[in-house]
């Protein structure tokens, strides 16, 4: 679902350590933005 979420692998230049995974969410609806702002979940806030 590239219109709402993208995933990345971040290469760690220090090869003695691990790489990293990033999950990116965008085009978030207003009610979910409010839920994300307040740290709330549920039918009202997504």
ModelCIF file with pLDDT and N, C-alpha, C, O atoms, coordinates in Angstrom:
data_MODEL
#
_entry.id   MODEL 
#
_entity.id                         1 
_entity.type                       polymer 
_entity.pdbx_number_of_molecules   1 
#
_entity_poly.entity_id                      1 
_entity_poly.type                           'polypeptide(L)' 
_entity_poly.nstd_linkage                   no 
_entity_poly.nstd_monomer                   no 
_entity_poly.pdbx_seq_one_letter_code       
;(UNK)(UNK)(UNK)(UNK)(UNK)(UNK)(UNK)(UNK)(UNK)(UNK)(UNK)(UNK)(UNK)(UNK)(UNK)(UNK)
(UNK)(UNK)(UNK)(UNK)(UNK)(UNK)(UNK)(UNK)(UNK)(UNK)(UNK)(UNK)(UNK)(UNK)(UNK)(UNK)
(UNK)(UNK)(UNK)(UNK)(UNK)(UNK)(UNK)(UNK)(UNK)(UNK)(UNK)(UNK)(UNK)(UNK)
;
_entity_poly.pdbx_seq_one_letter_code_can   XXXXXXXXXXXXXXXXXXXXXXXXXXXXXXXXXXXXXXXXXXXXXX 
_entity_poly.pdbx_strand_id                 A 
#
loop_
_entity_poly_seq.entity_id 
_entity_poly_seq.num 
_entity_poly_seq.mon_id 
_entity_poly_seq.hetero 
1 1  UNK n 
1 2  UNK n 
1 3  UNK n 
1 4  UNK n 
1 5  UNK n 
1 6  UNK n 
1 7  UNK n 
1 8  UNK n 
1 9  UNK n 
1 10 UNK n 
1 11 UNK n 
1 12 UNK n 
1 13 UNK n 
1 14 UNK n 
1 15 UNK n 
1 16 UNK n 
1 17 UNK n 
1 18 UNK n 
1 19 UNK n 
1 20 UNK n 
1 21 UNK n 
1 22 UNK n 
1 23 UNK n 
1 24 UNK n 
1 25 UNK n 
1 26 UNK n 
1 27 UNK n 
1 28 UNK n 
1 29 UNK n 
1 30 UNK n 
1 31 UNK n 
1 32 UNK n 
1 33 UNK n 
1 34 UNK n 
1 35 UNK n 
1 36 UNK n 
1 37 UNK n 
1 38 UNK n 
1 39 UNK n 
1 40 UNK n 
1 41 UNK n 
1 42 UNK n 
1 43 UNK n 
1 44 UNK n 
1 45 UNK n 
1 46 UNK n 
#
_struct_asym.id          A 
_struct_asym.entity_id   1 
#
loop_
_ma_qa_metric.id 
_ma_qa_metric.mode 
_ma_qa_metric.name 
_ma_qa_metric.software_group_id 
_ma_qa_metric.type 
1 global pLDDT . pLDDT 
2 local  pLDDT . pLDDT 
#
_ma_qa_metric_global.metric_id      1 
_ma_qa_metric_global.metric_value   77.52 
_ma_qa_metric_global.model_id       1 
_ma_qa_metric_global.ordinal_id     1 
#
loop_
_ma_qa_metric_local.label_asym_id 
_ma_qa_metric_local.label_comp_id 
_ma_qa_metric_local.label_seq_id 
_ma_qa_metric_local.metric_id 
_ma_qa_metric_local.metric_value 
_ma_qa_metric_local.model_id 
_ma_qa_metric_local.ordinal_id 
A UNK 1  2 80.00 1 1  
A UNK 2  2 80.00 1 2  
A UNK 3  2 81.00 1 3  
A UNK 4  2 82.00 1 4  
A UNK 5  2 87.00 1 5  
A UNK 6  2 92.00 1 6  
A UNK 7  2 95.00 1 7  
A UNK 8  2 95.00 1 8  
A UNK 9  2 96.00 1 9  
A UNK 10 2 95.00 1 10 
A UNK 11 2 92.00 1 11 
A UNK 12 2 87.00 1 12 
A UNK 13 2 77.00 1 13 
A UNK 14 2 73.00 1 14 
A UNK 15 2 66.00 1 15 
A UNK 16 2 63.00 1 16 
A UNK 17 2 76.00 1 17 
A UNK 18 2 88.00 1 18 
A UNK 19 2 94.00 1 19 
A UNK 20 2 96.00 1 20 
A UNK 21 2 96.00 1 21 
A UNK 22 2 96.00 1 22 
A UNK 23 2 95.00 1 23 
A UNK 24 2 92.00 1 24 
A UNK 25 2 86.00 1 25 
A UNK 26 2 85.00 1 26 
A UNK 27 2 73.00 1 27 
A UNK 28 2 72.00 1 28 
A UNK 29 2 74.00 1 29 
A UNK 30 2 72.00 1 30 
A UNK 31 2 68.00 1 31 
A UNK 32 2 74.00 1 32 
A UNK 33 2 67.00 1 33 
A UNK 34 2 72.00 1 34 
A UNK 35 2 68.00 1 35 
A UNK 36 2 65.00 1 36 
A UNK 37 2 67.00 1 37 
A UNK 38 2 68.00 1 38 
A UNK 39 2 64.00 1 39 
A UNK 40 2 60.00 1 40 
A UNK 41 2 62.00 1 41 
A UNK 42 2 61.00 1 42 
A UNK 43 2 60.00 1 43 
A UNK 44 2 60.00 1 44 
A UNK 45 2 56.00 1 45 
A UNK 46 2 58.00 1 46 
#
loop_
_atom_site.group_PDB 
_atom_site.id 
_atom_site.type_symbol 
_atom_site.label_atom_id 
_atom_site.label_alt_id 
_atom_site.label_comp_id 
_atom_site.label_asym_id 
_atom_site.label_entity_id 
_atom_site.label_seq_id 
_atom_site.pdbx_PDB_ins_code 
_atom_site.Cartn_x 
_atom_site.Cartn_y 
_atom_site.Cartn_z 
_atom_site.occupancy 
_atom_site.B_iso_or_equiv 
_atom_site.pdbx_formal_charge 
_atom_site.auth_seq_id 
_atom_site.auth_comp_id 
_atom_site.auth_asym_id 
_atom_site.auth_atom_id 
_atom_site.pdbx_PDB_model_num 
ATOM 1   N N  . UNK A 1 1  ? 0.845   -1.192 0.000  1.00 80.00 ? 1  UNK A N  1 
ATOM 2   C CA . UNK A 1 1  ? 0.000   0.000  0.000  1.00 80.00 ? 1  UNK A CA 1 
ATOM 3   C C  . UNK A 1 1  ? 0.884   1.247  0.000  1.00 80.00 ? 1  UNK A C  1 
ATOM 4   O O  . UNK A 1 1  ? 0.911   1.985  0.985  1.00 80.00 ? 1  UNK A O  1 
ATOM 5   N N  . UNK A 1 2  ? 1.609   1.489  -1.102 1.00 80.00 ? 2  UNK A N  1 
ATOM 6   C CA . UNK A 1 2  ? 2.598   2.571  -1.137 1.00 80.00 ? 2  UNK A CA 1 
ATOM 7   C C  . UNK A 1 2  ? 2.009   3.971  -1.035 1.00 80.00 ? 2  UNK A C  1 
ATOM 8   O O  . UNK A 1 2  ? 2.751   4.931  -0.832 1.00 80.00 ? 2  UNK A O  1 
ATOM 9   N N  . UNK A 1 3  ? 0.680   4.111  -1.171 1.00 81.00 ? 3  UNK A N  1 
ATOM 10  C CA . UNK A 1 3  ? 0.049   5.424  -1.031 1.00 81.00 ? 3  UNK A CA 1 
ATOM 11  C C  . UNK A 1 3  ? -0.152  5.810  0.433  1.00 81.00 ? 3  UNK A C  1 
ATOM 12  O O  . UNK A 1 3  ? -0.449  6.963  0.745  1.00 81.00 ? 3  UNK A O  1 
ATOM 13  N N  . UNK A 1 4  ? 0.014   4.822  1.338  1.00 82.00 ? 4  UNK A N  1 
ATOM 14  C CA . UNK A 1 4  ? -0.176  5.106  2.761  1.00 82.00 ? 4  UNK A CA 1 
ATOM 15  C C  . UNK A 1 4  ? 1.013   4.672  3.622  1.00 82.00 ? 4  UNK A C  1 
ATOM 16  O O  . UNK A 1 4  ? 1.281   5.266  4.666  1.00 82.00 ? 4  UNK A O  1 
ATOM 17  N N  . UNK A 1 5  ? 1.724   3.630  3.174  1.00 87.00 ? 5  UNK A N  1 
ATOM 18  C CA . UNK A 1 5  ? 2.831   3.125  3.988  1.00 87.00 ? 5  UNK A CA 1 
ATOM 19  C C  . UNK A 1 5  ? 4.006   2.730  3.116  1.00 87.00 ? 5  UNK A C  1 
ATOM 20  O O  . UNK A 1 5  ? 3.837   2.180  2.028  1.00 87.00 ? 5  UNK A O  1 
ATOM 21  N N  . UNK A 1 6  ? 5.187   3.017  3.606  1.00 92.00 ? 6  UNK A N  1 
ATOM 22  C CA . UNK A 1 6  ? 6.412   2.603  2.937  1.00 92.00 ? 6  UNK A CA 1 
ATOM 23  C C  . UNK A 1 6  ? 7.363   2.008  3.962  1.00 92.00 ? 6  UNK A C  1 
ATOM 24  O O  . UNK A 1 6  ? 7.300   2.310  5.153  1.00 92.00 ? 6  UNK A O  1 
ATOM 25  N N  . UNK A 1 7  ? 8.248   1.151  3.458  1.00 95.00 ? 7  UNK A N  1 
ATOM 26  C CA . UNK A 1 7  ? 9.198   0.472  4.328  1.00 95.00 ? 7  UNK A CA 1 
ATOM 27  C C  . UNK A 1 7  ? 10.610  0.703  3.808  1.00 95.00 ? 7  UNK A C  1 
ATOM 28  O O  . UNK A 1 7  ? 10.840  0.754  2.599  1.00 95.00 ? 7  UNK A O  1 
ATOM 29  N N  . UNK A 1 8  ? 11.550  0.842  4.733  1.00 95.00 ? 8  UNK A N  1 
ATOM 30  C CA . UNK A 1 8  ? 12.926  1.123  4.354  1.00 95.00 ? 8  UNK A CA 1 
ATOM 31  C C  . UNK A 1 8  ? 13.888  0.235  5.146  1.00 95.00 ? 8  UNK A C  1 
ATOM 32  O O  . UNK A 1 8  ? 13.626  -0.156 6.284  1.00 95.00 ? 8  UNK A O  1 
ATOM 33  N N  . UNK A 1 9  ? 14.992  -0.057 4.506  1.00 96.00 ? 9  UNK A N  1 
ATOM 34  C CA . UNK A 1 9  ? 16.121  -0.670 5.202  1.00 96.00 ? 9  UNK A CA 1 
ATOM 35  C C  . UNK A 1 9  ? 17.218  0.392  5.300  1.00 96.00 ? 9  UNK A C  1 
ATOM 36  O O  . UNK A 1 9  ? 17.659  0.936  4.287  1.00 96.00 ? 9  UNK A O  1 
ATOM 37  N N  . UNK A 1 10 ? 17.645  0.676  6.514  1.00 95.00 ? 10 UNK A N  1 
ATOM 38  C CA . UNK A 1 10 ? 18.681  1.679  6.741  1.00 95.00 ? 10 UNK A CA 1 
ATOM 39  C C  . UNK A 1 10 ? 20.001  0.954  6.943  1.00 95.00 ? 10 UNK A C  1 
ATOM 40  O O  . UNK A 1 10 ? 20.171  0.212  7.910  1.00 95.00 ? 10 UNK A O  1 
ATOM 41  N N  . UNK A 1 11 ? 20.926  1.172  6.032  1.00 92.00 ? 11 UNK A N  1 
ATOM 42  C CA . UNK A 1 11 ? 22.220  0.485  6.085  1.00 92.00 ? 11 UNK A CA 1 
ATOM 43  C C  . UNK A 1 11 ? 23.091  1.128  7.162  1.00 92.00 ? 11 UNK A C  1 
ATOM 44  O O  . UNK A 1 11 ? 23.302  2.340  7.169  1.00 92.00 ? 11 UNK A O  1 
ATOM 45  N N  . UNK A 1 12 ? 23.579  0.313  8.047  1.00 87.00 ? 12 UNK A N  1 
ATOM 46  C CA . UNK A 1 12 ? 24.473  0.787  9.100  1.00 87.00 ? 12 UNK A CA 1 
ATOM 47  C C  . UNK A 1 12 ? 25.902  0.732  8.576  1.00 87.00 ? 12 UNK A C  1 
ATOM 48  O O  . UNK A 1 12 ? 26.397  -0.343 8.239  1.00 87.00 ? 12 UNK A O  1 
ATOM 49  N N  . UNK A 1 13 ? 26.559  1.867  8.506  1.00 77.00 ? 13 UNK A N  1 
ATOM 50  C CA . UNK A 1 13 ? 27.926  1.904  7.977  1.00 77.00 ? 13 UNK A CA 1 
ATOM 51  C C  . UNK A 1 13 ? 28.901  1.182  8.880  1.00 77.00 ? 13 UNK A C  1 
ATOM 52  O O  . UNK A 1 13 ? 29.964  0.743  8.439  1.00 77.00 ? 13 UNK A O  1 
ATOM 53  N N  . UNK A 1 14 ? 28.537  1.059  10.140 1.00 73.00 ? 14 UNK A N  1 
ATOM 54  C CA . UNK A 1 14 ? 29.350  0.262  11.055 1.00 73.00 ? 14 UNK A CA 1 
ATOM 55  C C  . UNK A 1 14 ? 28.960  -1.201 10.866 1.00 73.00 ? 14 UNK A C  1 
ATOM 56  O O  . UNK A 1 14 ? 28.006  -1.668 11.488 1.00 73.00 ? 14 UNK A O  1 
ATOM 57  N N  . UNK A 1 15 ? 29.669  -1.917 10.033 1.00 66.00 ? 15 UNK A N  1 
ATOM 58  C CA . UNK A 1 15 ? 29.262  -3.263 9.651  1.00 66.00 ? 15 UNK A CA 1 
ATOM 59  C C  . UNK A 1 15 ? 29.369  -4.272 10.782 1.00 66.00 ? 15 UNK A C  1 
ATOM 60  O O  . UNK A 1 15 ? 28.956  -5.422 10.635 1.00 66.00 ? 15 UNK A O  1 
ATOM 61  N N  . UNK A 1 16 ? 29.935  -3.835 11.931 1.00 63.00 ? 16 UNK A N  1 
ATOM 62  C CA . UNK A 1 16 ? 29.967  -4.727 13.087 1.00 63.00 ? 16 UNK A CA 1 
ATOM 63  C C  . UNK A 1 16 ? 28.612  -4.749 13.793 1.00 63.00 ? 16 UNK A C  1 
ATOM 64  O O  . UNK A 1 16 ? 28.383  -5.552 14.698 1.00 63.00 ? 16 UNK A O  1 
ATOM 65  N N  . UNK A 1 17 ? 27.724  -3.862 13.368 1.00 76.00 ? 17 UNK A N  1 
ATOM 66  C CA . UNK A 1 17 ? 26.409  -3.783 13.981 1.00 76.00 ? 17 UNK A CA 1 
ATOM 67  C C  . UNK A 1 17 ? 25.341  -4.133 12.952 1.00 76.00 ? 17 UNK A C  1 
ATOM 68  O O  . UNK A 1 17 ? 25.650  -4.423 11.796 1.00 76.00 ? 17 UNK A O  1 
ATOM 69  N N  . UNK A 1 18 ? 24.083  -4.103 13.384 1.00 88.00 ? 18 UNK A N  1 
ATOM 70  C CA . UNK A 1 18 ? 22.972  -4.511 12.535 1.00 88.00 ? 18 UNK A CA 1 
ATOM 71  C C  . UNK A 1 18 ? 22.485  -3.353 11.673 1.00 88.00 ? 18 UNK A C  1 
ATOM 72  O O  . UNK A 1 18 ? 22.795  -2.191 11.935 1.00 88.00 ? 18 UNK A O  1 
ATOM 73  N N  . UNK A 1 19 ? 21.710  -3.692 10.633 1.00 94.00 ? 19 UNK A N  1 
ATOM 74  C CA . UNK A 1 19 ? 20.977  -2.677 9.897  1.00 94.00 ? 19 UNK A CA 1 
ATOM 75  C C  . UNK A 1 19 ? 19.646  -2.437 10.615 1.00 94.00 ? 19 UNK A C  1 
ATOM 76  O O  . UNK A 1 19 ? 19.325  -3.100 11.602 1.00 94.00 ? 19 UNK A O  1 
ATOM 77  N N  . UNK A 1 20 ? 18.883  -1.474 10.093 1.00 96.00 ? 20 UNK A N  1 
ATOM 78  C CA . UNK A 1 20 ? 17.636  -1.094 10.752 1.00 96.00 ? 20 UNK A CA 1 
ATOM 79  C C  . UNK A 1 20 ? 16.483  -1.087 9.758  1.00 96.00 ? 20 UNK A C  1 
ATOM 80  O O  . UNK A 1 20 ? 16.668  -0.908 8.555  1.00 96.00 ? 20 UNK A O  1 
ATOM 81  N N  . UNK A 1 21 ? 15.287  -1.288 10.303 1.00 96.00 ? 21 UNK A N  1 
ATOM 82  C CA . UNK A 1 21 ? 14.065  -1.305 9.518  1.00 96.00 ? 21 UNK A CA 1 
ATOM 83  C C  . UNK A 1 21 ? 13.224  -0.098 9.922  1.00 96.00 ? 21 UNK A C  1 
ATOM 84  O O  . UNK A 1 21 ? 13.098  0.201  11.109 1.00 96.00 ? 21 UNK A O  1 
ATOM 85  N N  . UNK A 1 22 ? 12.646  0.599  8.938  1.00 96.00 ? 22 UNK A N  1 
ATOM 86  C CA . UNK A 1 22 ? 11.788  1.743  9.212  1.00 96.00 ? 22 UNK A CA 1 
ATOM 87  C C  . UNK A 1 22 ? 10.431  1.537  8.540  1.00 96.00 ? 22 UNK A C  1 
ATOM 88  O O  . UNK A 1 22 ? 10.359  1.158  7.371  1.00 96.00 ? 22 UNK A O  1 
ATOM 89  N N  . UNK A 1 23 ? 9.370   1.788  9.282  1.00 95.00 ? 23 UNK A N  1 
ATOM 90  C CA . UNK A 1 23 ? 8.004   1.719  8.769  1.00 95.00 ? 23 UNK A CA 1 
ATOM 91  C C  . UNK A 1 23 ? 7.429   3.128  8.786  1.00 95.00 ? 23 UNK A C  1 
ATOM 92  O O  . UNK A 1 23 ? 7.334   3.752  9.842  1.00 95.00 ? 23 UNK A O  1 
ATOM 93  N N  . UNK A 1 24 ? 7.047   3.628  7.617  1.00 92.00 ? 24 UNK A N  1 
ATOM 94  C CA . UNK A 1 24 ? 6.659   5.026  7.438  1.00 92.00 ? 24 UNK A CA 1 
ATOM 95  C C  . UNK A 1 24 ? 5.189   5.087  7.059  1.00 92.00 ? 24 UNK A C  1 
ATOM 96  O O  . UNK A 1 24 ? 4.778   4.496  6.060  1.00 92.00 ? 24 UNK A O  1 
ATOM 97  N N  . UNK A 1 25 ? 4.392   5.802  7.853  1.00 86.00 ? 25 UNK A N  1 
ATOM 98  C CA . UNK A 1 25 ? 2.961   5.952  7.604  1.00 86.00 ? 25 UNK A CA 1 
ATOM 99  C C  . UNK A 1 25 ? 2.659   7.414  7.285  1.00 86.00 ? 25 UNK A C  1 
ATOM 100 O O  . UNK A 1 25 ? 3.127   8.319  7.976  1.00 86.00 ? 25 UNK A O  1 
ATOM 101 N N  . UNK A 1 26 ? 1.867   7.636  6.225  1.00 85.00 ? 26 UNK A N  1 
ATOM 102 C CA . UNK A 1 26 ? 1.508   9.004  5.836  1.00 85.00 ? 26 UNK A CA 1 
ATOM 103 C C  . UNK A 1 26 ? 0.090   8.993  5.266  1.00 85.00 ? 26 UNK A C  1 
ATOM 104 O O  . UNK A 1 26 ? -0.551  7.944  5.216  1.00 85.00 ? 26 UNK A O  1 
ATOM 105 N N  . UNK A 1 27 ? -0.396  10.152 4.838  1.00 73.00 ? 27 UNK A N  1 
ATOM 106 C CA . UNK A 1 27 ? -1.798  10.279 4.424  1.00 73.00 ? 27 UNK A CA 1 
ATOM 107 C C  . UNK A 1 27 ? -2.729  9.742  5.513  1.00 73.00 ? 27 UNK A C  1 
ATOM 108 O O  . UNK A 1 27 ? -3.674  9.006  5.230  1.00 73.00 ? 27 UNK A O  1 
ATOM 109 N N  . UNK A 1 28 ? -2.447  10.119 6.751  1.00 72.00 ? 28 UNK A N  1 
ATOM 110 C CA . UNK A 1 28 ? -3.216  9.656  7.900  1.00 72.00 ? 28 UNK A CA 1 
ATOM 111 C C  . UNK A 1 28 ? -4.506  10.466 7.997  1.00 72.00 ? 28 UNK A C  1 
ATOM 112 O O  . UNK A 1 28 ? -4.485  11.692 7.878  1.00 72.00 ? 28 UNK A O  1 
ATOM 113 N N  . UNK A 1 29 ? -5.628  9.780  8.212  1.00 74.00 ? 29 UNK A N  1 
ATOM 114 C CA . UNK A 1 29 ? -6.912  10.472 8.325  1.00 74.00 ? 29 UNK A CA 1 
ATOM 115 C C  . UNK A 1 29 ? -6.928  11.352 9.577  1.00 74.00 ? 29 UNK A C  1 
ATOM 116 O O  . UNK A 1 29 ? -6.137  11.151 10.499 1.00 74.00 ? 29 UNK A O  1 
ATOM 117 N N  . UNK A 1 30 ? -7.834  12.323 9.595  1.00 72.00 ? 30 UNK A N  1 
ATOM 118 C CA . UNK A 1 30 ? -7.871  13.292 10.685 1.00 72.00 ? 30 UNK A CA 1 
ATOM 119 C C  . UNK A 1 30 ? -8.106  12.617 12.037 1.00 72.00 ? 30 UNK A C  1 
ATOM 120 O O  . UNK A 1 30 ? -7.430  12.931 13.016 1.00 72.00 ? 30 UNK A O  1 
ATOM 121 N N  . UNK A 1 31 ? -9.070  11.684 12.089 1.00 68.00 ? 31 UNK A N  1 
ATOM 122 C CA . UNK A 1 31 ? -9.371  11.074 13.392 1.00 68.00 ? 31 UNK A CA 1 
ATOM 123 C C  . UNK A 1 31 ? -8.190  10.262 13.905 1.00 68.00 ? 31 UNK A C  1 
ATOM 124 O O  . UNK A 1 31 ? -7.956  10.202 15.112 1.00 68.00 ? 31 UNK A O  1 
ATOM 125 N N  . UNK A 1 32 ? -7.430  9.626  12.981 1.00 74.00 ? 32 UNK A N  1 
ATOM 126 C CA . UNK A 1 32 ? -6.257  8.873  13.419 1.00 74.00 ? 32 UNK A CA 1 
ATOM 127 C C  . UNK A 1 32 ? -5.123  9.803  13.814 1.00 74.00 ? 32 UNK A C  1 
ATOM 128 O O  . UNK A 1 32 ? -4.312  9.470  14.678 1.00 74.00 ? 32 UNK A O  1 
ATOM 129 N N  . UNK A 1 33 ? -5.063  10.978 13.178 1.00 67.00 ? 33 UNK A N  1 
ATOM 130 C CA . UNK A 1 33 ? -4.060  11.965 13.574 1.00 67.00 ? 33 UNK A CA 1 
ATOM 131 C C  . UNK A 1 33 ? -4.342  12.456 14.989 1.00 67.00 ? 33 UNK A C  1 
ATOM 132 O O  . UNK A 1 33 ? -3.419  12.671 15.774 1.00 67.00 ? 33 UNK A O  1 
ATOM 133 N N  . UNK A 1 34 ? -5.612  12.630 15.309 1.00 72.00 ? 34 UNK A N  1 
ATOM 134 C CA . UNK A 1 34 ? -5.979  13.037 16.666 1.00 72.00 ? 34 UNK A CA 1 
ATOM 135 C C  . UNK A 1 34 ? -5.625  11.929 17.654 1.00 72.00 ? 34 UNK A C  1 
ATOM 136 O O  . UNK A 1 34 ? -5.091  12.192 18.732 1.00 72.00 ? 34 UNK A O  1 
ATOM 137 N N  . UNK A 1 35 ? -5.932  10.670 17.270 1.00 68.00 ? 35 UNK A N  1 
ATOM 138 C CA . UNK A 1 35 ? -5.584  9.538  18.120 1.00 68.00 ? 35 UNK A CA 1 
ATOM 139 C C  . UNK A 1 35 ? -4.082  9.427  18.331 1.00 68.00 ? 35 UNK A C  1 
ATOM 140 O O  . UNK A 1 35 ? -3.622  9.145  19.437 1.00 68.00 ? 35 UNK A O  1 
ATOM 141 N N  . UNK A 1 36 ? -3.311  9.653  17.253 1.00 65.00 ? 36 UNK A N  1 
ATOM 142 C CA . UNK A 1 36 ? -1.861  9.600  17.358 1.00 65.00 ? 36 UNK A CA 1 
ATOM 143 C C  . UNK A 1 36 ? -1.330  10.737 18.228 1.00 65.00 ? 36 UNK A C  1 
ATOM 144 O O  . UNK A 1 36 ? -0.378  10.554 18.986 1.00 65.00 ? 36 UNK A O  1 
ATOM 145 N N  . UNK A 1 37 ? -1.948  11.908 18.115 1.00 67.00 ? 37 UNK A N  1 
ATOM 146 C CA . UNK A 1 37 ? -1.526  13.059 18.909 1.00 67.00 ? 37 UNK A CA 1 
ATOM 147 C C  . UNK A 1 37 ? -1.742  12.807 20.402 1.00 67.00 ? 37 UNK A C  1 
ATOM 148 O O  . UNK A 1 37 ? -0.890  13.136 21.227 1.00 67.00 ? 37 UNK A O  1 
ATOM 149 N N  . UNK A 1 38 ? -2.891  12.219 20.735 1.00 68.00 ? 38 UNK A N  1 
ATOM 150 C CA . UNK A 1 38 ? -3.241  11.995 22.131 1.00 68.00 ? 38 UNK A CA 1 
ATOM 151 C C  . UNK A 1 38 ? -2.728  10.664 22.670 1.00 68.00 ? 38 UNK A C  1 
ATOM 152 O O  . UNK A 1 38 ? -2.759  10.416 23.875 1.00 68.00 ? 38 UNK A O  1 
ATOM 153 N N  . UNK A 1 39 ? -2.248  9.799  21.748 1.00 64.00 ? 39 UNK A N  1 
ATOM 154 C CA . UNK A 1 39 ? -1.811  8.476  22.174 1.00 64.00 ? 39 UNK A CA 1 
ATOM 155 C C  . UNK A 1 39 ? -2.968  7.574  22.533 1.00 64.00 ? 39 UNK A C  1 
ATOM 156 O O  . UNK A 1 39 ? -2.851  6.729  23.421 1.00 64.00 ? 39 UNK A O  1 
ATOM 157 N N  . UNK A 1 40 ? -4.104  7.750  21.839 1.00 60.00 ? 40 UNK A N  1 
ATOM 158 C CA . UNK A 1 40 ? -5.316  6.991  22.126 1.00 60.00 ? 40 UNK A CA 1 
ATOM 159 C C  . UNK A 1 40 ? -5.632  6.041  20.980 1.00 60.00 ? 40 UNK A C  1 
ATOM 160 O O  . UNK A 1 40 ? -5.203  6.245  19.845 1.00 60.00 ? 40 UNK A O  1 
ATOM 161 N N  . UNK A 1 41 ? -6.392  5.000  21.301 1.00 62.00 ? 41 UNK A N  1 
ATOM 162 C CA . UNK A 1 41 ? -6.827  4.030  20.300 1.00 62.00 ? 41 UNK A CA 1 
ATOM 163 C C  . UNK A 1 41 ? -8.303  3.737  20.512 1.00 62.00 ? 41 UNK A C  1 
ATOM 164 O O  . UNK A 1 41 ? -8.865  4.054  21.561 1.00 62.00 ? 41 UNK A O  1 
ATOM 165 N N  . UNK A 1 42 ? -8.924  3.134  19.513 1.00 61.00 ? 42 UNK A N  1 
ATOM 166 C CA . UNK A 1 42 ? -10.328 2.768  19.643 1.00 61.00 ? 42 UNK A CA 1 
ATOM 167 C C  . UNK A 1 42 ? -11.102 3.139  18.397 1.00 61.00 ? 42 UNK A C  1 
ATOM 168 O O  . UNK A 1 42 ? -10.537 3.684  17.449 1.00 61.00 ? 42 UNK A O  1 
ATOM 169 N N  . UNK A 1 43 ? -12.406 2.845  18.394 1.00 60.00 ? 43 UNK A N  1 
ATOM 170 C CA . UNK A 1 43 ? -13.228 3.086  17.210 1.00 60.00 ? 43 UNK A CA 1 
ATOM 171 C C  . UNK A 1 43 ? -13.289 4.569  16.845 1.00 60.00 ? 43 UNK A C  1 
ATOM 172 O O  . UNK A 1 43 ? -13.418 4.916  15.671 1.00 60.00 ? 43 UNK A O  1 
ATOM 173 N N  . UNK A 1 44 ? -13.195 5.446  17.849 1.00 60.00 ? 44 UNK A N  1 
ATOM 174 C CA . UNK A 1 44 ? -13.276 6.871  17.575 1.00 60.00 ? 44 UNK A CA 1 
ATOM 175 C C  . UNK A 1 44 ? -11.991 7.412  16.960 1.00 60.00 ? 44 UNK A C  1 
ATOM 176 O O  . UNK A 1 44 ? -12.037 8.253  16.063 1.00 60.00 ? 44 UNK A O  1 
ATOM 177 N N  . UNK A 1 45 ? -10.835 6.928  17.443 1.00 56.00 ? 45 UNK A N  1 
ATOM 178 C CA . UNK A 1 45 ? -9.550  7.486  17.019 1.00 56.00 ? 45 UNK A CA 1 
ATOM 179 C C  . UNK A 1 45 ? -8.746  6.541  16.121 1.00 56.00 ? 45 UNK A C  1 
ATOM 180 O O  . UNK A 1 45 ? -7.617  6.853  15.744 1.00 56.00 ? 45 UNK A O  1 
ATOM 181 N N  . UNK A 1 46 ? -9.327  5.388  15.781 1.00 58.00 ? 46 UNK A N  1 
ATOM 182 C CA . UNK A 1 46 ? -8.613  4.452  14.930 1.00 58.00 ? 46 UNK A CA 1 
ATOM 183 C C  . UNK A 1 46 ? -7.752  3.497  15.726 1.00 58.00 ? 46 UNK A C  1 
ATOM 184 O O  . UNK A 1 46 ? -7.083  2.640  15.148 1.00 58.00 ? 46 UNK A O  1 
#
